């Protein structure tokens, strides 16, 4: 079953039980954006609905998708900065009140030279992510981790990264490879290369899959599914206008 995320601007609080949704790698997810105002997720629908939206035929295309709250992960971006004085209070609220199962890293303003393949200051350091992983774990949440060493072409750097994260593998939901790569842009081959490196090494050793948030357009979603190996297992996009992406799921 593929996992599909689409962000909606809703003020509702998920009513499903956090205890029923522990493994982000074995269940479907709904992504959530947290910030002022709070944006909560669209429930994830059956994979047949995704493929219908993309014009791909499946054997179950005629089956009405059913949302099962107990089988759906809720992921939130942005995550809490672990150095915030109220960080523990914030993650506790996200887990117990919001029903969140995993968060991304803290949101940091992008610098003037930001690109999807070279985001610069947009993502926190591995040390900060480690603090967040341990903080989230205190309240039962996992973390989507960005660490460029994980897809390095230098095996020694990958070894060092995985040794660093190994004690927390069970608390990591996915390896974040960056945000909204353009399939028509120069960065697309970079995403494909990095994804393959992670799948063939870090995923094999850690059991943790790669992740990227895809541009919310039919062409981009189709290209993600066709060009990026096994990306149907963890597919995400954010769409902020119109129906917020419901038609594409």
C-alpha atoms as a PDB file:
ATOM      1  CA  UNK A   1       0.000   0.000   0.000  1.00  0.00           C
ATOM      2  CA  UNK A   2       1.412   3.363  -0.968  1.00  0.00           C
ATOM      3  CA  UNK A   3       1.424   6.176   1.520  1.00  0.00           C
ATOM      4  CA  UNK A   4       0.093   9.488   0.285  1.00  0.00           C
ATOM      5  CA  UNK A   5       0.064  12.842   2.034  1.00  0.00           C
ATOM      6  CA  UNK A   6      -1.793  16.008   1.057  1.00  0.00           C
ATOM      7  CA  UNK A   7      -2.070  19.038   3.309  1.00  0.00           C
ATOM      8  CA  UNK A   8      -5.426  20.670   3.974  1.00  0.00           C
ATOM      9  CA  UNK A   9      -6.105  23.928   5.777  1.00  0.00           C
ATOM     10  CA  UNK A  10      -8.530  22.569   8.368  1.00  0.00           C
ATOM     11  CA  UNK A  11      -8.993  23.569  11.970  1.00  0.00           C
ATOM     12  CA  UNK A  12     -10.236  20.167  13.083  1.00  0.00           C
ATOM     13  CA  UNK A  13      -8.217  18.036  15.497  1.00  0.00           C
ATOM     14  CA  UNK A  14      -7.681  14.368  14.546  1.00  0.00           C
ATOM     15  CA  UNK A  15      -9.825  12.132  16.727  1.00  0.00           C
ATOM     16  CA  UNK A  16      -7.957   8.908  16.141  1.00  0.00           C
ATOM     17  CA  UNK A  17      -5.775   7.249  18.773  1.00  0.00           C
ATOM     18  CA  UNK A  18      -2.039   7.899  18.778  1.00  0.00           C
ATOM     19  CA  UNK A  19      -1.383   4.489  20.303  1.00  0.00           C
ATOM     20  CA  UNK A  20      -2.801   2.748  17.220  1.00  0.00           C
ATOM     21  CA  UNK A  21      -0.415   4.385  14.749  1.00  0.00           C
ATOM     22  CA  UNK A  22       3.152   3.615  15.775  1.00  0.00           C
ATOM     23  CA  UNK A  23       5.081   2.518  12.679  1.00  0.00           C
ATOM     24  CA  UNK A  24       5.504   5.201  10.031  1.00  0.00           C
ATOM     25  CA  UNK A  25       7.239   2.694   7.795  1.00  0.00           C
ATOM     26  CA  UNK A  26       4.449   0.098   7.863  1.00  0.00           C
ATOM     27  CA  UNK A  27       1.297   2.245   7.712  1.00  0.00           C
ATOM     28  CA  UNK A  28      -0.200   4.925   5.508  1.00  0.00           C
ATOM     29  CA  UNK A  29       0.366   8.533   6.520  1.00  0.00           C
ATOM     30  CA  UNK A  30      -1.439  11.817   6.485  1.00  0.00           C
ATOM     31  CA  UNK A  31       0.791  14.881   6.550  1.00  0.00           C
ATOM     32  CA  UNK A  32       0.040  17.873   8.738  1.00  0.00           C
ATOM     33  CA  UNK A  33       1.363  21.396   8.706  1.00  0.00           C
ATOM     34  CA  UNK A  34       1.577  23.008  12.115  1.00  0.00           C
ATOM     35  CA  UNK A  35       2.049  26.732  12.497  1.00  0.00           C
ATOM     36  CA  UNK A  36       0.005  29.838  12.920  1.00  0.00           C
ATOM     37  CA  UNK A  37      -2.709  28.980  11.956  1.00  0.00           C
ATOM     38  CA  UNK A  38      -2.738  25.232  12.612  1.00  0.00           C
ATOM     39  CA  UNK A  39      -3.100  23.191   9.422  1.00  0.00           C
ATOM     40  CA  UNK A  40      -4.257  19.629   9.843  1.00  0.00           C
ATOM     41  CA  UNK A  41      -4.167  16.750   7.464  1.00  0.00           C
ATOM     42  CA  UNK A  42      -6.479  15.230   4.971  1.00  0.00           C
ATOM     43  CA  UNK A  43      -7.118  11.594   5.894  1.00  0.00           C
ATOM     44  CA  UNK A  44      -5.195   9.290   3.590  1.00  0.00           C
ATOM     45  CA  UNK A  45      -7.301   7.476   1.030  1.00  0.00           C
ATOM     46  CA  UNK A  46      -6.811   4.139  -0.689  1.00  0.00           C
ATOM     47  CA  UNK A  47      -4.009   3.883  -3.227  1.00  0.00           C
ATOM     48  CA  UNK A  48      -6.518   3.167  -6.013  1.00  0.00           C
ATOM     49  CA  UNK A  49      -7.800   6.724  -5.660  1.00  0.00           C
ATOM     50  CA  UNK A  50      -4.286   8.103  -6.141  1.00  0.00           C
ATOM     51  CA  UNK A  51      -3.792   6.159  -9.313  1.00  0.00           C
ATOM     52  CA  UNK A  52      -7.199   7.199 -10.616  1.00  0.00           C
ATOM     53  CA  UNK A  53      -6.232  10.826 -10.082  1.00  0.00           C
ATOM     54  CA  UNK A  54      -3.019  10.265 -12.050  1.00  0.00           C
ATOM     55  CA  UNK A  55      -4.731   8.396 -14.865  1.00  0.00           C
ATOM     56  CA  UNK A  56      -3.170   5.025 -14.012  1.00  0.00           C
ATOM     57  CA  UNK A  57      -5.340   1.927 -14.103  1.00  0.00           C
ATOM     58  CA  UNK A  58      -5.447  -0.438 -11.133  1.00  0.00           C
ATOM     59  CA  UNK A  59      -7.399  -3.577 -10.421  1.00  0.00           C
ATOM     60  CA  UNK A  60      -9.164  -1.856  -7.520  1.00  0.00           C
ATOM     61  CA  UNK A  61      -9.893   1.410  -9.332  1.00  0.00           C
ATOM     62  CA  UNK A  62     -13.657   0.964  -8.956  1.00  0.00           C
ATOM     63  CA  UNK A  63     -13.469   0.379  -5.196  1.00  0.00           C
ATOM     64  CA  UNK A  64     -14.619   3.308  -3.058  1.00  0.00           C
ATOM     65  CA  UNK A  65     -11.658   4.377  -0.883  1.00  0.00           C
ATOM     66  CA  UNK A  66     -12.195   3.967   2.836  1.00  0.00           C
ATOM     67  CA  UNK A  67     -10.352   5.935   5.501  1.00  0.00           C
ATOM     68  CA  UNK A  68      -9.217   3.829   8.432  1.00  0.00           C
ATOM     69  CA  UNK A  69      -7.971   6.165  11.214  1.00  0.00           C
ATOM     70  CA  UNK A  70      -6.226   3.356  13.081  1.00  0.00           C
ATOM     71  CA  UNK A  71      -4.100   2.579  10.010  1.00  0.00           C
ATOM     72  CA  UNK A  72      -3.129   6.164   9.212  1.00  0.00           C
ATOM     73  CA  UNK A  73      -0.038   8.005  10.360  1.00  0.00           C
ATOM     74  CA  UNK A  74      -0.174  11.772  10.956  1.00  0.00           C
ATOM     75  CA  UNK A  75       3.070  13.619  10.181  1.00  0.00           C
ATOM     76  CA  UNK A  76       3.558  17.314  10.993  1.00  0.00           C
ATOM     77  CA  UNK A  77       5.726  20.039   9.589  1.00  0.00           C
ATOM     78  CA  UNK A  78       7.254  21.963  10.936  1.00  0.00           C
ATOM     79  CA  UNK A  79       8.646  20.269  13.983  1.00  0.00           C
ATOM     80  CA  UNK A  80       9.672  21.953  17.220  1.00  0.00           C
ATOM     81  CA  UNK A  81      13.136  23.434  17.603  1.00  0.00           C
ATOM     82  CA  UNK A  82      14.638  21.350  20.423  1.00  0.00           C
ATOM     83  CA  UNK A  83      16.323  24.393  21.960  1.00  0.00           C
ATOM     84  CA  UNK A  84      13.025  26.241  22.385  1.00  0.00           C
ATOM     85  CA  UNK A  85      12.361  26.732  26.132  1.00  0.00           C
ATOM     86  CA  UNK A  86       8.862  25.255  25.716  1.00  0.00           C
ATOM     87  CA  UNK A  87       9.925  22.460  23.350  1.00  0.00           C
ATOM     88  CA  UNK A  88       8.851  19.602  25.616  1.00  0.00           C
ATOM     89  CA  UNK A  89       5.465  21.201  26.250  1.00  0.00           C
ATOM     90  CA  UNK A  90       4.992  21.714  22.518  1.00  0.00           C
ATOM     91  CA  UNK A  91       5.815  18.160  21.462  1.00  0.00           C
ATOM     92  CA  UNK A  92       3.670  16.774  24.264  1.00  0.00           C
ATOM     93  CA  UNK A  93       0.710  18.773  22.961  1.00  0.00           C
ATOM     94  CA  UNK A  94       1.359  17.670  19.383  1.00  0.00           C
ATOM     95  CA  UNK A  95       1.409  14.014  20.388  1.00  0.00           C
ATOM     96  CA  UNK A  96      -1.404  13.930  22.931  1.00  0.00           C
ATOM     97  CA  UNK A  97      -3.775  16.627  21.670  1.00  0.00           C
ATOM     98  CA  UNK A  98      -2.986  16.713  17.959  1.00  0.00           C
ATOM     99  CA  UNK A  99      -2.524  12.969  17.505  1.00  0.00           C
ATOM    100  CA  UNK A 100       0.756  13.514  15.639  1.00  0.00           C
ATOM    101  CA  UNK A 101       2.986  10.463  15.108  1.00  0.00           C
ATOM    102  CA  UNK A 102       6.051  12.039  13.488  1.00  0.00           C
ATOM    103  CA  UNK A 103       7.417  15.499  12.771  1.00  0.00           C
ATOM    104  CA  UNK A 104       9.852  16.998  10.347  1.00  0.00           C
ATOM    105  CA  UNK A 105      12.678  19.215  11.523  1.00  0.00           C
ATOM    106  CA  UNK A 106      12.233  22.789  12.725  1.00  0.00           C
ATOM    107  CA  UNK A 107      11.331  25.337  10.056  1.00  0.00           C
ATOM    108  CA  UNK A 108      14.234  27.660   9.339  1.00  0.00           C
ATOM    109  CA  UNK A 109      14.027  30.508   6.841  1.00  0.00           C
ATOM    110  CA  UNK A 110      15.791  29.686   3.601  1.00  0.00           C
ATOM    111  CA  UNK A 111      18.819  31.722   2.601  1.00  0.00           C
ATOM    112  CA  UNK A 112      19.257  33.663  -0.660  1.00  0.00           C
ATOM    113  CA  UNK A 113      21.066  30.758  -2.327  1.00  0.00           C
ATOM    114  CA  UNK A 114      18.448  28.083  -1.481  1.00  0.00           C
ATOM    115  CA  UNK A 115      17.788  25.318  -4.006  1.00  0.00           C
ATOM    116  CA  UNK A 116      16.101  21.942  -3.436  1.00  0.00           C
ATOM    117  CA  UNK A 117      19.401  20.118  -3.969  1.00  0.00           C
ATOM    118  CA  UNK A 118      21.479  22.575  -1.915  1.00  0.00           C
ATOM    119  CA  UNK A 119      19.153  24.060   0.739  1.00  0.00           C
ATOM    120  CA  UNK A 120      21.885  25.591   2.874  1.00  0.00           C
ATOM    121  CA  UNK A 121      20.539  26.913   6.176  1.00  0.00           C
ATOM    122  CA  UNK A 122      16.983  25.718   5.461  1.00  0.00           C
ATOM    123  CA  UNK A 123      17.604  22.456   7.360  1.00  0.00           C
ATOM    124  CA  UNK A 124      19.043  22.087  10.839  1.00  0.00           C
ATOM    125  CA  UNK A 125      22.347  20.391  11.604  1.00  0.00           C
ATOM    126  CA  UNK A 126      22.531  16.658  12.393  1.00  0.00           C
ATOM    127  CA  UNK A 127      23.236  17.569  16.029  1.00  0.00           C
ATOM    128  CA  UNK A 128      20.011  19.584  16.221  1.00  0.00           C
ATOM    129  CA  UNK A 129      18.082  16.796  14.530  1.00  0.00           C
ATOM    130  CA  UNK A 130      19.470  14.349  17.078  1.00  0.00           C
ATOM    131  CA  UNK A 131      18.136  16.544  19.891  1.00  0.00           C
ATOM    132  CA  UNK A 132      14.731  16.620  18.170  1.00  0.00           C
ATOM    133  CA  UNK A 133      14.686  12.856  17.615  1.00  0.00           C
ATOM    134  CA  UNK A 134      15.287  12.275  21.321  1.00  0.00           C
ATOM    135  CA  UNK A 135      12.804  14.977  22.328  1.00  0.00           C
ATOM    136  CA  UNK A 136      10.053  13.583  20.093  1.00  0.00           C
ATOM    137  CA  UNK A 137      10.783  10.065  21.318  1.00  0.00           C
ATOM    138  CA  UNK A 138       9.988  11.143  24.878  1.00  0.00           C
ATOM    139  CA  UNK A 139       6.342  11.555  23.845  1.00  0.00           C
ATOM    140  CA  UNK A 140       6.192   8.628  21.418  1.00  0.00           C
ATOM    141  CA  UNK A 141       6.719  10.561  18.167  1.00  0.00           C
ATOM    142  CA  UNK A 142       9.167   9.733  15.399  1.00  0.00           C
ATOM    143  CA  UNK A 143      11.184  12.236  13.346  1.00  0.00           C
ATOM    144  CA  UNK A 144      11.841  12.678   9.616  1.00  0.00           C
ATOM    145  CA  UNK A 145      15.592  13.331   9.570  1.00  0.00           C
ATOM    146  CA  UNK A 146      17.610  15.398   7.097  1.00  0.00           C
ATOM    147  CA  UNK A 147      21.318  14.541   7.029  1.00  0.00           C
ATOM    148  CA  UNK A 148      23.125  15.010   3.714  1.00  0.00           C
ATOM    149  CA  UNK A 149      25.778  12.494   4.731  1.00  0.00           C
ATOM    150  CA  UNK A 150      23.220   9.702   4.336  1.00  0.00           C
ATOM    151  CA  UNK A 151      23.301  10.045   0.529  1.00  0.00           C
ATOM    152  CA  UNK A 152      26.948  11.035   0.185  1.00  0.00           C
ATOM    153  CA  UNK A 153      28.858   9.377  -2.645  1.00  0.00           C
ATOM    154  CA  UNK A 154      31.657   8.843  -0.105  1.00  0.00           C
ATOM    155  CA  UNK A 155      31.003   5.510   1.696  1.00  0.00           C
ATOM    156  CA  UNK A 156      33.014   6.685   4.710  1.00  0.00           C
ATOM    157  CA  UNK A 157      30.680   9.647   5.207  1.00  0.00           C
ATOM    158  CA  UNK A 158      27.641   7.375   4.945  1.00  0.00           C
ATOM    159  CA  UNK A 159      29.187   5.000   7.466  1.00  0.00           C
ATOM    160  CA  UNK A 160      29.776   7.872   9.878  1.00  0.00           C
ATOM    161  CA  UNK A 161      26.210   9.148   9.473  1.00  0.00           C
ATOM    162  CA  UNK A 162      24.622   5.749  10.027  1.00  0.00           C
ATOM    163  CA  UNK A 163      26.833   5.071  13.042  1.00  0.00           C
ATOM    164  CA  UNK A 164      25.698   8.426  14.450  1.00  0.00           C
ATOM    165  CA  UNK A 165      21.995   7.612  13.929  1.00  0.00           C
ATOM    166  CA  UNK A 166      22.070   3.889  14.697  1.00  0.00           C
ATOM    167  CA  UNK A 167      21.025   4.214  18.377  1.00  0.00           C
ATOM    168  CA  UNK A 168      17.915   6.123  17.213  1.00  0.00           C
ATOM    169  CA  UNK A 169      16.914   4.154  14.095  1.00  0.00           C
ATOM    170  CA  UNK A 170      13.713   3.045  15.841  1.00  0.00           C
ATOM    171  CA  UNK A 171      12.749   6.685  16.366  1.00  0.00           C
ATOM    172  CA  UNK A 172      13.292   7.850  12.760  1.00  0.00           C
ATOM    173  CA  UNK A 173      10.302   7.839  10.397  1.00  0.00           C
ATOM    174  CA  UNK A 174      12.162   8.563   7.132  1.00  0.00           C
ATOM    175  CA  UNK A 175      15.295  10.109   5.638  1.00  0.00           C
ATOM    176  CA  UNK A 176      14.351  13.569   4.317  1.00  0.00           C
ATOM    177  CA  UNK A 177      16.003  14.227   0.945  1.00  0.00           C
ATOM    178  CA  UNK A 178      14.662  17.753   0.523  1.00  0.00           C
ATOM    179  CA  UNK A 179      11.581  19.531  -0.709  1.00  0.00           C
ATOM    180  CA  UNK A 180       9.798  19.889  -4.061  1.00  0.00           C
ATOM    181  CA  UNK A 181      12.367  18.926  -6.680  1.00  0.00           C
ATOM    182  CA  UNK A 182      11.229  20.020 -10.146  1.00  0.00           C
ATOM    183  CA  UNK A 183      11.064  17.081 -12.591  1.00  0.00           C
ATOM    184  CA  UNK A 184      11.708  19.557 -15.422  1.00  0.00           C
ATOM    185  CA  UNK A 185      14.625  21.174 -13.634  1.00  0.00           C
ATOM    186  CA  UNK A 186      18.332  20.481 -13.467  1.00  0.00           C
ATOM    187  CA  UNK A 187      17.996  19.089  -9.932  1.00  0.00           C
ATOM    188  CA  UNK A 188      15.803  16.106 -10.904  1.00  0.00           C
ATOM    189  CA  UNK A 189      18.690  13.700 -11.725  1.00  0.00           C
ATOM    190  CA  UNK A 190      20.194  14.628  -8.346  1.00  0.00           C
ATOM    191  CA  UNK A 191      17.057  13.477  -6.535  1.00  0.00           C
ATOM    192  CA  UNK A 192      17.031  10.192  -8.464  1.00  0.00           C
ATOM    193  CA  UNK A 193      20.704   9.580  -7.659  1.00  0.00           C
ATOM    194  CA  UNK A 194      20.343  10.404  -3.968  1.00  0.00           C
ATOM    195  CA  UNK A 195      17.184   8.323  -3.638  1.00  0.00           C
ATOM    196  CA  UNK A 196      18.967   5.324  -5.114  1.00  0.00           C
ATOM    197  CA  UNK A 197      21.963   5.729  -2.809  1.00  0.00           C
ATOM    198  CA  UNK A 198      19.690   5.843   0.246  1.00  0.00           C
ATOM    199  CA  UNK A 199      17.590   2.870  -0.876  1.00  0.00           C
ATOM    200  CA  UNK A 200      20.633   0.745  -1.629  1.00  0.00           C
ATOM    201  CA  UNK A 201      22.557   1.570   1.531  1.00  0.00           C
ATOM    202  CA  UNK A 202      20.879   3.467   4.385  1.00  0.00           C
ATOM    203  CA  UNK A 203      17.506   1.777   3.916  1.00  0.00           C
ATOM    204  CA  UNK A 204      19.112  -1.662   3.783  1.00  0.00           C
ATOM    205  CA  UNK A 205      21.069  -1.020   6.972  1.00  0.00           C
ATOM    206  CA  UNK A 206      18.476   0.951   8.926  1.00  0.00           C
ATOM    207  CA  UNK A 207      15.105  -0.137   7.539  1.00  0.00           C
ATOM    208  CA  UNK A 208      14.278   3.566   7.016  1.00  0.00           C
ATOM    209  CA  UNK A 209      13.024   4.740   3.626  1.00  0.00           C
ATOM    210  CA  UNK A 210      13.869   7.982   1.777  1.00  0.00           C
ATOM    211  CA  UNK A 211      11.305  10.798   1.611  1.00  0.00           C
ATOM    212  CA  UNK A 212      10.711  13.948  -0.396  1.00  0.00           C
ATOM    213  CA  UNK A 213       7.735  16.261  -0.679  1.00  0.00           C
ATOM    214  CA  UNK A 214       6.691  16.333  -4.347  1.00  0.00           C
ATOM    215  CA  UNK A 215       5.417  19.305  -6.323  1.00  0.00           C
ATOM    216  CA  UNK A 216       1.581  19.136  -6.324  1.00  0.00           C
ATOM    217  CA  UNK A 217       1.031  18.754 -10.054  1.00  0.00           C
ATOM    218  CA  UNK A 218      -0.007  15.727 -12.083  1.00  0.00           C
ATOM    219  CA  UNK A 219       3.187  15.741 -14.147  1.00  0.00           C
ATOM    220  CA  UNK A 220       5.392  15.932 -11.065  1.00  0.00           C
ATOM    221  CA  UNK A 221       3.510  13.143  -9.291  1.00  0.00           C
ATOM    222  CA  UNK A 222       3.629  10.938 -12.385  1.00  0.00           C
ATOM    223  CA  UNK A 223       7.338  11.582 -12.811  1.00  0.00           C
ATOM    224  CA  UNK A 224       7.988  10.849  -9.143  1.00  0.00           C
ATOM    225  CA  UNK A 225       6.227   7.508  -9.489  1.00  0.00           C
ATOM    226  CA  UNK A 226       7.865   6.589 -12.796  1.00  0.00           C
ATOM    227  CA  UNK A 227      11.402   7.953 -12.320  1.00  0.00           C
ATOM    228  CA  UNK A 228      12.107   7.553  -8.603  1.00  0.00           C
ATOM    229  CA  UNK A 229      12.412   3.926  -7.604  1.00  0.00           C
ATOM    230  CA  UNK A 230       9.875   2.632  -5.056  1.00  0.00           C
ATOM    231  CA  UNK A 231       8.601   6.167  -4.391  1.00  0.00           C
ATOM    232  CA  UNK A 232       5.026   4.864  -4.366  1.00  0.00           C
ATOM    233  CA  UNK A 233       5.761   3.491  -0.901  1.00  0.00           C
ATOM    234  CA  UNK A 234       6.012   6.995   0.575  1.00  0.00           C
ATOM    235  CA  UNK A 235       4.499   9.707  -1.645  1.00  0.00           C
ATOM    236  CA  UNK A 236       3.752  13.208  -0.360  1.00  0.00           C
ATOM    237  CA  UNK A 237       2.680  16.548  -1.785  1.00  0.00           C
ATOM    238  CA  UNK A 238       1.269  19.813  -0.451  1.00  0.00           C
ATOM    239  CA  UNK A 239      -1.339  21.846  -2.346  1.00  0.00           C
ATOM    240  CA  UNK A 240      -2.601  25.056  -0.780  1.00  0.00           C
ATOM    241  CA  UNK A 241      -5.340  26.273  -3.124  1.00  0.00           C
ATOM    242  CA  UNK A 242      -8.616  24.999  -4.559  1.00  0.00           C
ATOM    243  CA  UNK A 243      -9.555  21.574  -3.212  1.00  0.00           C
ATOM    244  CA  UNK A 244      -6.147  21.311  -1.477  1.00  0.00           C
ATOM    245  CA  UNK A 245      -5.259  18.259  -3.578  1.00  0.00           C
ATOM    246  CA  UNK A 246      -8.260  16.045  -2.873  1.00  0.00           C
ATOM    247  CA  UNK A 247      -8.734  15.335  -6.597  1.00  0.00           C
ATOM    248  CA  UNK A 248      -5.174  14.045  -6.887  1.00  0.00           C
ATOM    249  CA  UNK A 249      -5.442  11.454  -4.134  1.00  0.00           C
END
